[in-house]
């Protein structure tokens, strides 16, 4: 498994809605995440900066990269667009972080 960390941004007035949508995540979205090798996925919110910190473990980059083209994922991106910063293809604006320390 490969660990990935990333940062996204939620709109200041959409914190509760962002959390609500994830509490009600579609079962088919969870299934696709699993099918694309995602495990141990968490997202944390810093309310002061509106920053979201995501952590996910994936089987491999190639399998994970295919998730972006998945129709369920693209529908999720469209669903989430009103609550967070997104790119022109509706994908979240996301900054990958470099892992500099890990301890089991």
N, C-alpha and C. Protein backbone atom coordinates (compact mmCIF):
# COMPACT_ATOMS: atom_id res chain seq x y z
N UNK A 1 0.83 -1.19 0.00
CA UNK A 1 0.00 0.00 0.00
C UNK A 1 0.87 1.25 0.00
N UNK A 2 0.40 2.25 -0.69
CA UNK A 2 1.08 3.54 -0.73
C UNK A 2 0.21 4.56 0.01
N UNK A 3 0.83 5.35 0.87
CA UNK A 3 0.13 6.40 1.60
C UNK A 3 0.16 7.69 0.80
N UNK A 4 -0.97 8.40 0.78
CA UNK A 4 -1.05 9.69 0.09
C UNK A 4 -1.70 10.70 1.02
N UNK A 5 -1.17 11.90 1.03
CA UNK A 5 -1.76 13.01 1.75
C UNK A 5 -1.99 14.15 0.79
N UNK A 6 -3.06 14.90 0.99
CA UNK A 6 -3.38 16.01 0.08
C UNK A 6 -4.23 17.05 0.80
N UNK A 7 -4.26 18.25 0.23
CA UNK A 7 -5.02 19.36 0.78
C UNK A 7 -6.01 19.85 -0.26
N UNK A 8 -7.24 20.11 0.19
CA UNK A 8 -8.28 20.70 -0.65
C UNK A 8 -8.88 21.87 0.15
N UNK A 9 -9.83 22.59 -0.45
CA UNK A 9 -10.45 23.73 0.22
C UNK A 9 -11.96 23.64 0.11
N UNK A 10 -12.62 23.78 1.26
CA UNK A 10 -14.08 23.84 1.31
C UNK A 10 -14.46 25.32 1.50
N UNK A 11 -15.60 25.71 0.93
CA UNK A 11 -16.04 27.10 1.09
C UNK A 11 -16.42 27.36 2.56
N UNK A 12 -16.13 28.58 3.05
CA UNK A 12 -16.32 28.88 4.48
C UNK A 12 -17.73 28.60 5.00
N UNK A 13 -18.74 28.83 4.19
CA UNK A 13 -20.12 28.63 4.63
C UNK A 13 -20.66 27.24 4.31
N UNK A 14 -19.77 26.32 3.88
CA UNK A 14 -20.21 24.99 3.46
C UNK A 14 -19.62 23.85 4.28
N UNK A 15 -19.03 24.16 5.42
CA UNK A 15 -18.42 23.12 6.26
C UNK A 15 -19.42 22.02 6.61
N UNK A 16 -20.58 22.43 7.12
CA UNK A 16 -21.58 21.44 7.54
C UNK A 16 -22.10 20.64 6.36
N UNK A 17 -22.31 21.30 5.24
CA UNK A 17 -22.81 20.59 4.05
C UNK A 17 -21.78 19.60 3.53
N UNK A 18 -20.52 19.99 3.55
CA UNK A 18 -19.46 19.08 3.12
C UNK A 18 -19.48 17.81 3.98
N UNK A 19 -19.55 18.00 5.29
CA UNK A 19 -19.57 16.84 6.19
C UNK A 19 -20.83 16.01 5.97
N UNK A 20 -21.98 16.66 5.82
CA UNK A 20 -23.24 15.95 5.60
C UNK A 20 -23.15 15.07 4.36
N UNK A 21 -22.63 15.62 3.28
CA UNK A 21 -22.55 14.85 2.03
C UNK A 21 -21.63 13.64 2.19
N UNK A 22 -20.59 13.78 2.97
CA UNK A 22 -19.71 12.62 3.18
C UNK A 22 -20.31 11.62 4.17
N UNK A 23 -21.09 12.09 5.12
CA UNK A 23 -21.79 11.17 6.02
C UNK A 23 -22.82 10.34 5.27
N UNK A 24 -23.30 10.88 4.15
CA UNK A 24 -24.30 10.21 3.33
C UNK A 24 -23.70 9.73 2.00
N UNK A 25 -22.40 9.44 1.98
CA UNK A 25 -21.73 9.06 0.74
C UNK A 25 -22.47 7.91 0.07
N UNK A 26 -22.58 7.98 -1.24
CA UNK A 26 -23.31 6.98 -2.00
C UNK A 26 -22.61 5.63 -1.89
N UNK A 27 -23.35 4.56 -1.68
CA UNK A 27 -22.75 3.23 -1.62
C UNK A 27 -21.97 2.88 -2.88
N UNK A 28 -22.45 3.33 -4.03
CA UNK A 28 -21.73 3.04 -5.28
C UNK A 28 -20.40 3.80 -5.37
N UNK A 29 -20.31 4.95 -4.69
CA UNK A 29 -19.04 5.67 -4.65
C UNK A 29 -18.04 4.91 -3.77
N UNK A 30 -18.51 4.42 -2.63
CA UNK A 30 -17.64 3.62 -1.75
C UNK A 30 -17.16 2.38 -2.49
N UNK A 31 -18.05 1.74 -3.23
CA UNK A 31 -17.68 0.55 -3.99
C UNK A 31 -16.59 0.87 -5.01
N UNK A 32 -16.74 1.97 -5.72
CA UNK A 32 -15.73 2.36 -6.72
C UNK A 32 -14.40 2.68 -6.06
N UNK A 33 -14.43 3.36 -4.93
CA UNK A 33 -13.18 3.63 -4.22
C UNK A 33 -12.48 2.32 -3.87
N UNK A 34 -13.25 1.36 -3.36
CA UNK A 34 -12.68 0.05 -3.03
C UNK A 34 -12.14 -0.64 -4.28
N UNK A 35 -12.90 -0.60 -5.36
CA UNK A 35 -12.49 -1.26 -6.61
C UNK A 35 -11.21 -0.64 -7.19
N UNK A 36 -10.98 0.63 -6.88
CA UNK A 36 -9.79 1.31 -7.40
C UNK A 36 -8.64 1.30 -6.38
N UNK A 37 -8.74 0.43 -5.39
CA UNK A 37 -7.61 0.20 -4.48
C UNK A 37 -7.50 1.13 -3.30
N UNK A 38 -8.55 1.89 -2.99
CA UNK A 38 -8.51 2.83 -1.87
C UNK A 38 -8.84 2.13 -0.56
N UNK A 39 -8.07 2.44 0.48
CA UNK A 39 -8.30 1.91 1.81
C UNK A 39 -7.96 3.00 2.84
N UNK A 40 -8.49 2.85 4.03
CA UNK A 40 -8.10 3.72 5.14
C UNK A 40 -8.14 5.20 4.74
N UNK A 41 -9.28 5.66 4.23
CA UNK A 41 -9.46 7.01 3.69
C UNK A 41 -10.07 7.90 4.75
N UNK A 42 -9.43 9.02 5.05
CA UNK A 42 -9.94 10.00 6.02
C UNK A 42 -9.76 11.40 5.46
N UNK A 43 -10.69 12.28 5.83
CA UNK A 43 -10.59 13.70 5.49
C UNK A 43 -10.82 14.49 6.78
N UNK A 44 -9.95 15.45 7.04
CA UNK A 44 -10.01 16.29 8.23
C UNK A 44 -10.20 17.74 7.81
N UNK A 45 -10.94 18.52 8.62
CA UNK A 45 -11.22 19.92 8.32
C UNK A 45 -10.56 20.83 9.35
N UNK A 46 -9.86 21.86 8.86
CA UNK A 46 -9.39 22.96 9.70
C UNK A 46 -10.37 24.12 9.46
N UNK A 47 -11.28 24.34 10.40
CA UNK A 47 -12.33 25.34 10.22
C UNK A 47 -11.78 26.76 10.10
N UNK A 48 -10.64 27.03 10.70
CA UNK A 48 -10.07 28.38 10.65
C UNK A 48 -9.55 28.73 9.26
N UNK A 49 -9.06 27.74 8.52
CA UNK A 49 -8.48 28.02 7.20
C UNK A 49 -9.32 27.47 6.05
N UNK A 50 -10.37 26.71 6.36
CA UNK A 50 -11.21 26.05 5.36
C UNK A 50 -10.46 24.98 4.59
N UNK A 51 -9.34 24.56 5.12
CA UNK A 51 -8.53 23.53 4.47
C UNK A 51 -8.98 22.14 4.89
N UNK A 52 -9.01 21.25 3.91
CA UNK A 52 -9.30 19.84 4.14
C UNK A 52 -7.99 19.08 3.95
N UNK A 53 -7.67 18.22 4.91
CA UNK A 53 -6.51 17.36 4.78
C UNK A 53 -7.01 15.95 4.53
N UNK A 54 -6.64 15.38 3.40
CA UNK A 54 -7.04 14.03 3.08
C UNK A 54 -5.88 13.06 3.24
N UNK A 55 -6.20 11.87 3.73
CA UNK A 55 -5.23 10.79 3.85
C UNK A 55 -5.88 9.54 3.28
N UNK A 56 -5.15 8.86 2.40
CA UNK A 56 -5.67 7.64 1.80
C UNK A 56 -4.51 6.68 1.55
N UNK A 57 -4.80 5.41 1.64
CA UNK A 57 -3.84 4.39 1.26
C UNK A 57 -4.38 3.73 0.00
N UNK A 58 -3.51 3.59 -1.00
CA UNK A 58 -3.92 3.01 -2.29
C UNK A 58 -3.03 1.81 -2.62
N UNK A 59 -3.57 0.92 -3.44
CA UNK A 59 -2.78 -0.24 -3.87
C UNK A 59 -1.64 0.18 -4.77
N UNK A 60 -1.95 1.01 -5.78
CA UNK A 60 -0.91 1.53 -6.68
C UNK A 60 -1.46 2.74 -7.43
N UNK A 61 -0.57 3.57 -7.93
CA UNK A 61 -0.94 4.82 -8.60
C UNK A 61 -1.74 4.56 -9.88
N UNK A 62 -1.34 3.56 -10.66
CA UNK A 62 -2.01 3.29 -11.93
C UNK A 62 -3.49 2.96 -11.72
N UNK A 63 -3.76 2.09 -10.78
CA UNK A 63 -5.14 1.71 -10.47
C UNK A 63 -5.91 2.91 -9.93
N UNK A 64 -5.30 3.68 -9.05
CA UNK A 64 -5.94 4.85 -8.45
C UNK A 64 -6.23 5.92 -9.49
N UNK A 65 -5.31 6.14 -10.42
CA UNK A 65 -5.49 7.18 -11.45
C UNK A 65 -6.72 6.91 -12.31
N UNK A 66 -7.12 5.67 -12.46
CA UNK A 66 -8.30 5.33 -13.27
C UNK A 66 -9.59 5.79 -12.60
N UNK A 67 -9.55 6.04 -11.32
CA UNK A 67 -10.74 6.52 -10.60
C UNK A 67 -11.24 7.84 -11.16
N UNK A 68 -10.35 8.71 -11.60
CA UNK A 68 -10.73 10.02 -12.12
C UNK A 68 -11.65 9.92 -13.34
N UNK A 69 -11.51 8.87 -14.11
CA UNK A 69 -12.31 8.71 -15.33
C UNK A 69 -13.61 7.95 -15.07
N UNK A 70 -13.80 7.44 -13.87
CA UNK A 70 -14.98 6.65 -13.53
C UNK A 70 -16.23 7.54 -13.50
N UNK A 71 -17.34 7.07 -14.09
CA UNK A 71 -18.56 7.89 -14.18
C UNK A 71 -19.15 8.22 -12.81
N UNK A 72 -19.11 7.29 -11.88
CA UNK A 72 -19.63 7.57 -10.53
C UNK A 72 -18.79 8.65 -9.87
N UNK A 73 -17.48 8.56 -10.01
CA UNK A 73 -16.59 9.57 -9.44
C UNK A 73 -16.87 10.94 -10.05
N UNK A 74 -17.06 10.99 -11.36
CA UNK A 74 -17.34 12.26 -12.01
C UNK A 74 -18.67 12.86 -11.55
N UNK A 75 -19.66 12.01 -11.30
CA UNK A 75 -20.93 12.48 -10.75
C UNK A 75 -20.73 13.02 -9.33
N UNK A 76 -19.86 12.36 -8.56
CA UNK A 76 -19.56 12.83 -7.20
C UNK A 76 -18.90 14.20 -7.25
N UNK A 77 -17.95 14.35 -8.16
CA UNK A 77 -17.29 15.65 -8.31
C UNK A 77 -18.31 16.74 -8.61
N UNK A 78 -19.23 16.47 -9.52
CA UNK A 78 -20.26 17.45 -9.87
C UNK A 78 -21.13 17.76 -8.65
N UNK A 79 -21.47 16.74 -7.88
CA UNK A 79 -22.26 16.89 -6.66
C UNK A 79 -21.54 17.75 -5.62
N UNK A 80 -20.22 17.62 -5.54
CA UNK A 80 -19.44 18.34 -4.54
C UNK A 80 -19.02 19.74 -4.98
N UNK A 81 -19.12 20.04 -6.26
CA UNK A 81 -18.67 21.34 -6.78
C UNK A 81 -19.24 22.55 -6.03
N UNK A 82 -20.52 22.55 -5.63
CA UNK A 82 -21.05 23.74 -4.94
C UNK A 82 -20.45 23.99 -3.55
N UNK A 83 -19.73 23.03 -2.98
CA UNK A 83 -19.25 23.21 -1.61
C UNK A 83 -17.74 23.35 -1.49
N UNK A 84 -17.02 23.22 -2.60
CA UNK A 84 -15.56 23.28 -2.50
C UNK A 84 -14.94 23.83 -3.78
N UNK A 85 -13.68 24.24 -3.68
CA UNK A 85 -12.95 24.73 -4.86
C UNK A 85 -12.70 23.56 -5.81
N UNK A 86 -13.00 23.80 -7.09
CA UNK A 86 -12.85 22.75 -8.10
C UNK A 86 -12.15 23.29 -9.34
N UNK A 87 -11.65 22.35 -10.12
CA UNK A 87 -11.05 22.65 -11.42
C UNK A 87 -12.15 22.69 -12.48
N UNK A 88 -11.78 23.03 -13.71
CA UNK A 88 -12.76 23.13 -14.79
C UNK A 88 -13.46 21.81 -15.11
N UNK A 89 -12.84 20.67 -14.76
CA UNK A 89 -13.47 19.37 -14.98
C UNK A 89 -14.27 18.90 -13.75
N UNK A 90 -14.49 19.80 -12.81
CA UNK A 90 -15.21 19.56 -11.55
C UNK A 90 -14.39 18.80 -10.51
N UNK A 91 -13.19 18.35 -10.83
CA UNK A 91 -12.35 17.69 -9.84
C UNK A 91 -11.95 18.70 -8.77
N UNK A 92 -11.80 18.25 -7.53
CA UNK A 92 -11.38 19.18 -6.48
C UNK A 92 -9.98 19.73 -6.75
N UNK A 93 -9.81 21.00 -6.47
CA UNK A 93 -8.46 21.55 -6.48
C UNK A 93 -7.73 20.87 -5.32
N UNK A 94 -6.67 20.16 -5.64
CA UNK A 94 -5.99 19.33 -4.64
C UNK A 94 -4.49 19.48 -4.77
N UNK A 95 -3.84 19.63 -3.64
CA UNK A 95 -2.38 19.73 -3.59
C UNK A 95 -1.85 18.48 -2.93
N UNK A 96 -1.07 17.70 -3.66
CA UNK A 96 -0.45 16.50 -3.10
C UNK A 96 0.66 16.91 -2.14
N UNK A 97 0.75 16.20 -1.04
CA UNK A 97 1.79 16.45 -0.05
C UNK A 97 2.84 15.35 -0.10
N UNK A 98 4.08 15.72 0.15
CA UNK A 98 5.17 14.77 0.18
C UNK A 98 5.28 14.19 1.58
N UNK A 99 5.30 12.87 1.68
CA UNK A 99 5.47 12.24 2.97
C UNK A 99 6.93 12.42 3.42
N UNK A 100 7.10 12.97 4.62
CA UNK A 100 8.46 13.20 5.13
C UNK A 100 8.75 12.39 6.39
N UNK A 101 7.72 11.72 6.93
CA UNK A 101 7.93 10.87 8.10
C UNK A 101 6.77 9.89 8.20
N UNK A 102 7.08 8.67 8.62
CA UNK A 102 6.06 7.65 8.89
C UNK A 102 6.57 6.72 9.98
N UNK A 103 5.66 6.33 10.87
CA UNK A 103 6.00 5.37 11.90
C UNK A 103 4.83 4.42 12.07
N UNK A 104 5.07 3.13 12.04
CA UNK A 104 4.03 2.13 12.31
C UNK A 104 3.91 1.91 13.80
